[in-house]
């Protein structure tokens, strides 16, 4: 069971939207984390690499802001084994490679630009998620 957190969820959504718009306005780039990460791992140490590293660094450092504001981190409970998390991460990586992007690139940025490819990808992500949750919770009982 997950907690209902409308205010923090709304604030998080606003921050994601602002980050996506700012990246597009400043650099003319889509805020797709898959593409940003692959660019850091494969790019030369140039200006393009620097904004990518800064974007990822901000994502990694953001919990420090939460600690500074609230004096604690939110409790996170993951009801899966480490092995399932590794398998899920691996499958997600394969999917984002074949899908030419991830939920941030397609779901946030692509859909806001009314990209047919991104709409199709996001519908596929969401349908697959619904089926996966149903199967794991109601058929396998995990």
C-alpha atoms as a PDB file:
ATOM      1  CA  UNK A   1       0.000   0.000   0.000  1.00  0.00           C
ATOM      2  CA  UNK A   2       1.311   3.451  -0.843  1.00  0.00           C
ATOM      3  CA  UNK A   3       0.525   6.687   0.926  1.00  0.00           C
ATOM      4  CA  UNK A   4      -1.609   9.333  -0.769  1.00  0.00           C
ATOM      5  CA  UNK A   5       0.630  12.414  -1.031  1.00  0.00           C
ATOM      6  CA  UNK A   6      -1.081  14.932  -3.308  1.00  0.00           C
ATOM      7  CA  UNK A   7       0.892  18.015  -2.244  1.00  0.00           C
ATOM      8  CA  UNK A   8       4.360  16.517  -2.505  1.00  0.00           C
ATOM      9  CA  UNK A   9       3.389  14.719  -5.710  1.00  0.00           C
ATOM     10  CA  UNK A  10       2.087  17.983  -7.180  1.00  0.00           C
ATOM     11  CA  UNK A  11       5.262  19.815  -6.127  1.00  0.00           C
ATOM     12  CA  UNK A  12       7.415  17.076  -7.658  1.00  0.00           C
ATOM     13  CA  UNK A  13       5.453  17.252 -10.903  1.00  0.00           C
ATOM     14  CA  UNK A  14       5.885  21.021 -11.027  1.00  0.00           C
ATOM     15  CA  UNK A  15       9.653  20.674 -10.509  1.00  0.00           C
ATOM     16  CA  UNK A  16       9.914  18.057 -13.255  1.00  0.00           C
ATOM     17  CA  UNK A  17       7.965  20.318 -15.630  1.00  0.00           C
ATOM     18  CA  UNK A  18      10.063  23.373 -14.780  1.00  0.00           C
ATOM     19  CA  UNK A  19      13.286  21.389 -15.292  1.00  0.00           C
ATOM     20  CA  UNK A  20      12.066  20.108 -18.673  1.00  0.00           C
ATOM     21  CA  UNK A  21      11.030  23.583 -19.831  1.00  0.00           C
ATOM     22  CA  UNK A  22      14.265  25.163 -18.551  1.00  0.00           C
ATOM     23  CA  UNK A  23      16.425  22.601 -20.334  1.00  0.00           C
ATOM     24  CA  UNK A  24      14.515  23.167 -23.575  1.00  0.00           C
ATOM     25  CA  UNK A  25      14.683  26.958 -23.190  1.00  0.00           C
ATOM     26  CA  UNK A  26      18.372  27.137 -22.271  1.00  0.00           C
ATOM     27  CA  UNK A  27      19.873  24.289 -24.311  1.00  0.00           C
ATOM     28  CA  UNK A  28      17.141  23.347 -26.783  1.00  0.00           C
ATOM     29  CA  UNK A  29      17.292  19.758 -25.504  1.00  0.00           C
ATOM     30  CA  UNK A  30      14.716  17.216 -24.373  1.00  0.00           C
ATOM     31  CA  UNK A  31      14.929  16.216 -20.700  1.00  0.00           C
ATOM     32  CA  UNK A  32      15.049  12.487 -21.385  1.00  0.00           C
ATOM     33  CA  UNK A  33      17.138  10.937 -18.645  1.00  0.00           C
ATOM     34  CA  UNK A  34      18.082   7.943 -20.792  1.00  0.00           C
ATOM     35  CA  UNK A  35      19.573  10.215 -23.440  1.00  0.00           C
ATOM     36  CA  UNK A  36      21.224  12.504 -20.904  1.00  0.00           C
ATOM     37  CA  UNK A  37      22.902   9.575 -19.148  1.00  0.00           C
ATOM     38  CA  UNK A  38      24.044   7.947 -22.378  1.00  0.00           C
ATOM     39  CA  UNK A  39      25.479  11.305 -23.467  1.00  0.00           C
ATOM     40  CA  UNK A  40      27.500  11.552 -20.241  1.00  0.00           C
ATOM     41  CA  UNK A  41      28.808   8.022 -20.658  1.00  0.00           C
ATOM     42  CA  UNK A  42      29.793   8.433 -24.316  1.00  0.00           C
ATOM     43  CA  UNK A  43      30.507  12.144 -24.845  1.00  0.00           C
ATOM     44  CA  UNK A  44      33.795  13.981 -24.755  1.00  0.00           C
ATOM     45  CA  UNK A  45      34.394  16.369 -21.875  1.00  0.00           C
ATOM     46  CA  UNK A  46      32.963  19.381 -23.668  1.00  0.00           C
ATOM     47  CA  UNK A  47      30.129  21.861 -23.164  1.00  0.00           C
ATOM     48  CA  UNK A  48      27.509  19.239 -24.053  1.00  0.00           C
ATOM     49  CA  UNK A  49      28.955  16.867 -21.468  1.00  0.00           C
ATOM     50  CA  UNK A  50      28.953  19.582 -18.780  1.00  0.00           C
ATOM     51  CA  UNK A  51      25.208  20.340 -18.837  1.00  0.00           C
ATOM     52  CA  UNK A  52      24.419  16.629 -18.914  1.00  0.00           C
ATOM     53  CA  UNK A  53      26.646  15.956 -15.893  1.00  0.00           C
ATOM     54  CA  UNK A  54      25.160  18.963 -14.062  1.00  0.00           C
ATOM     55  CA  UNK A  55      21.603  17.752 -14.752  1.00  0.00           C
ATOM     56  CA  UNK A  56      22.391  14.254 -13.460  1.00  0.00           C
ATOM     57  CA  UNK A  57      24.321  15.702 -10.512  1.00  0.00           C
ATOM     58  CA  UNK A  58      21.267  17.734  -9.555  1.00  0.00           C
ATOM     59  CA  UNK A  59      19.133  14.602  -9.626  1.00  0.00           C
ATOM     60  CA  UNK A  60      21.584  12.738  -7.399  1.00  0.00           C
ATOM     61  CA  UNK A  61      22.089  15.677  -5.019  1.00  0.00           C
ATOM     62  CA  UNK A  62      18.412  16.576  -4.644  1.00  0.00           C
ATOM     63  CA  UNK A  63      17.918  14.412  -1.531  1.00  0.00           C
ATOM     64  CA  UNK A  64      20.389  16.738   0.212  1.00  0.00           C
ATOM     65  CA  UNK A  65      17.903  19.579  -0.330  1.00  0.00           C
ATOM     66  CA  UNK A  66      15.172  17.482   1.290  1.00  0.00           C
ATOM     67  CA  UNK A  67      17.431  16.814   4.284  1.00  0.00           C
ATOM     68  CA  UNK A  68      18.289  20.517   4.546  1.00  0.00           C
ATOM     69  CA  UNK A  69      14.606  21.498   4.488  1.00  0.00           C
ATOM     70  CA  UNK A  70      13.115  18.745   6.644  1.00  0.00           C
ATOM     71  CA  UNK A  71      16.092  17.383   8.609  1.00  0.00           C
ATOM     72  CA  UNK A  72      15.347  13.838   7.409  1.00  0.00           C
ATOM     73  CA  UNK A  73      14.869  11.756   4.305  1.00  0.00           C
ATOM     74  CA  UNK A  74      11.464  10.299   3.498  1.00  0.00           C
ATOM     75  CA  UNK A  75      11.109   6.649   4.378  1.00  0.00           C
ATOM     76  CA  UNK A  76      11.164   4.404   1.347  1.00  0.00           C
ATOM     77  CA  UNK A  77      10.014   0.815   1.463  1.00  0.00           C
ATOM     78  CA  UNK A  78      10.651  -1.360  -1.554  1.00  0.00           C
ATOM     79  CA  UNK A  79       8.629  -4.577  -1.318  1.00  0.00           C
ATOM     80  CA  UNK A  80      10.832  -6.491  -3.758  1.00  0.00           C
ATOM     81  CA  UNK A  81      14.033  -8.450  -3.482  1.00  0.00           C
ATOM     82  CA  UNK A  82      17.317  -6.958  -4.689  1.00  0.00           C
ATOM     83  CA  UNK A  83      17.394  -9.617  -7.439  1.00  0.00           C
ATOM     84  CA  UNK A  84      14.007  -8.465  -8.773  1.00  0.00           C
ATOM     85  CA  UNK A  85      15.179  -4.845  -8.700  1.00  0.00           C
ATOM     86  CA  UNK A  86      18.270  -5.746 -10.747  1.00  0.00           C
ATOM     87  CA  UNK A  87      16.184  -7.708 -13.276  1.00  0.00           C
ATOM     88  CA  UNK A  88      13.654  -4.857 -13.461  1.00  0.00           C
ATOM     89  CA  UNK A  89      16.403  -2.302 -13.996  1.00  0.00           C
ATOM     90  CA  UNK A  90      17.981  -4.427 -16.711  1.00  0.00           C
ATOM     91  CA  UNK A  91      14.655  -4.880 -18.515  1.00  0.00           C
ATOM     92  CA  UNK A  92      13.921  -1.164 -18.197  1.00  0.00           C
ATOM     93  CA  UNK A  93      17.288  -0.380 -19.774  1.00  0.00           C
ATOM     94  CA  UNK A  94      16.563  -2.702 -22.686  1.00  0.00           C
ATOM     95  CA  UNK A  95      13.107  -1.180 -23.117  1.00  0.00           C
ATOM     96  CA  UNK A  96      14.371   2.393 -23.129  1.00  0.00           C
ATOM     97  CA  UNK A  97      17.003   1.471 -25.681  1.00  0.00           C
ATOM     98  CA  UNK A  98      14.527  -0.173 -28.057  1.00  0.00           C
ATOM     99  CA  UNK A  99      11.875   2.480 -27.338  1.00  0.00           C
ATOM    100  CA  UNK A 100      14.323   5.300 -28.158  1.00  0.00           C
ATOM    101  CA  UNK A 101      13.751   6.953 -24.812  1.00  0.00           C
ATOM    102  CA  UNK A 102      12.276   6.705 -21.358  1.00  0.00           C
ATOM    103  CA  UNK A 103       9.232   7.967 -19.517  1.00  0.00           C
ATOM    104  CA  UNK A 104      10.782  11.377 -18.951  1.00  0.00           C
ATOM    105  CA  UNK A 105      11.667  11.911 -22.605  1.00  0.00           C
ATOM    106  CA  UNK A 106       8.502  10.443 -24.098  1.00  0.00           C
ATOM    107  CA  UNK A 107       6.007  10.929 -21.264  1.00  0.00           C
ATOM    108  CA  UNK A 108       6.914  14.420 -20.111  1.00  0.00           C
ATOM    109  CA  UNK A 109       8.572  16.087 -23.065  1.00  0.00           C
ATOM    110  CA  UNK A 110       7.289  14.153 -26.079  1.00  0.00           C
ATOM    111  CA  UNK A 111       3.636  14.139 -25.087  1.00  0.00           C
ATOM    112  CA  UNK A 112       3.718  17.857 -24.308  1.00  0.00           C
ATOM    113  CA  UNK A 113       4.903  18.391 -27.900  1.00  0.00           C
ATOM    114  CA  UNK A 114       2.087  16.099 -29.139  1.00  0.00           C
ATOM    115  CA  UNK A 115       4.596  13.674 -30.654  1.00  0.00           C
ATOM    116  CA  UNK A 116       2.682  10.662 -31.998  1.00  0.00           C
ATOM    117  CA  UNK A 117       5.706   8.421 -31.353  1.00  0.00           C
ATOM    118  CA  UNK A 118       5.926   9.595 -27.750  1.00  0.00           C
ATOM    119  CA  UNK A 119       2.195   9.172 -27.177  1.00  0.00           C
ATOM    120  CA  UNK A 120       2.403   5.604 -28.500  1.00  0.00           C
ATOM    121  CA  UNK A 121       5.469   4.891 -26.355  1.00  0.00           C
ATOM    122  CA  UNK A 122       3.823   6.305 -23.216  1.00  0.00           C
ATOM    123  CA  UNK A 123       0.628   4.309 -23.791  1.00  0.00           C
ATOM    124  CA  UNK A 124       2.823   1.209 -24.168  1.00  0.00           C
ATOM    125  CA  UNK A 125       4.761   2.036 -20.959  1.00  0.00           C
ATOM    126  CA  UNK A 126       1.598   2.545 -18.959  1.00  0.00           C
ATOM    127  CA  UNK A 127      -0.201  -0.543 -20.310  1.00  0.00           C
ATOM    128  CA  UNK A 128       2.855  -2.704 -19.646  1.00  0.00           C
ATOM    129  CA  UNK A 129       3.098  -1.287 -16.133  1.00  0.00           C
ATOM    130  CA  UNK A 130      -0.555  -2.061 -15.423  1.00  0.00           C
ATOM    131  CA  UNK A 131      -0.213  -5.631 -16.696  1.00  0.00           C
ATOM    132  CA  UNK A 132       3.038  -6.159 -14.767  1.00  0.00           C
ATOM    133  CA  UNK A 133       1.538  -4.923 -11.493  1.00  0.00           C
ATOM    134  CA  UNK A 134      -1.569  -7.046 -11.966  1.00  0.00           C
ATOM    135  CA  UNK A 135       0.422 -10.183 -12.768  1.00  0.00           C
ATOM    136  CA  UNK A 136       2.964  -9.756  -9.967  1.00  0.00           C
ATOM    137  CA  UNK A 137       0.402  -8.861  -7.283  1.00  0.00           C
ATOM    138  CA  UNK A 138      -2.602 -10.974  -8.236  1.00  0.00           C
ATOM    139  CA  UNK A 139      -1.197 -13.973 -10.081  1.00  0.00           C
ATOM    140  CA  UNK A 140       2.229 -14.468  -8.489  1.00  0.00           C
ATOM    141  CA  UNK A 141       1.201 -12.873  -5.186  1.00  0.00           C
ATOM    142  CA  UNK A 142       4.436 -10.915  -4.832  1.00  0.00           C
END
